[in-house]
Amino acid sequence: MNHHQFTQTITTNLPDFKSQPLKPKHLLFSQGDPATNFFLILSGSLKLTHLNPDGDQNIIEIINQNELIGTESFDPNSTYKIPAQAITQVQYLSLPRLQFLQLLNTDPTLYLYLIKQFRHKLWRSLQANQNLSLKGAQQRVTDYFITHPNQTLTHQEISELLGTTRETVSKISSRLKTN
């Protein structure tokens, strides 16, 4: 099962749930909100963020089309651990916990798909941690621009994602454009 098939299975089997819009910079959920819904992102991008003790924002993860977030909802007594904020215009489905879990129980391939996605997210997280630990700012920023040629993040957002400053991102971006 791929992203498209997963999304199609959800929309086919839960037809009562309609796509909802979210404008850029608006929150889908906040830290501490009761985790009652899963969210399937149909289009657009969001960022999962964390404020460090100095009050600076760090981007933990970028969420894109066909990704599922709000997995804290697997635990009926949980809250969302970090806020999700739209970067671009987003269309999403809000899937109440009970209905989504019932759907998962009817189709085991959905569970297998989710396990594959969780494994992929864990791998991305480990790579991000390794990059922060082993690479300097210049290498992290250069790698980002090489691997994301059509990026839509601002220099500030890239710096929050890569653990550097906006000024560093701007300098490296300028150098890459002239080369």
Foldseek 3Di string as FASTA:
>chain_A
DDLVVLVVLCCVVCVVWDKDKDAAFDWPDAAPAQLFWKKAWQAAKKFWWDQDPVRDIATQDIDGHSDIDSVLNVDNGDTDHTIIGGHHIIIMTTGGSVVVVVSCVVDVVSVVVVVVVVVVVVVVNVVLVCCLVPPDPLVQLVVVCVVCVPDDDQLCNSCSHNVHHSVSNVVSVVVVVVD
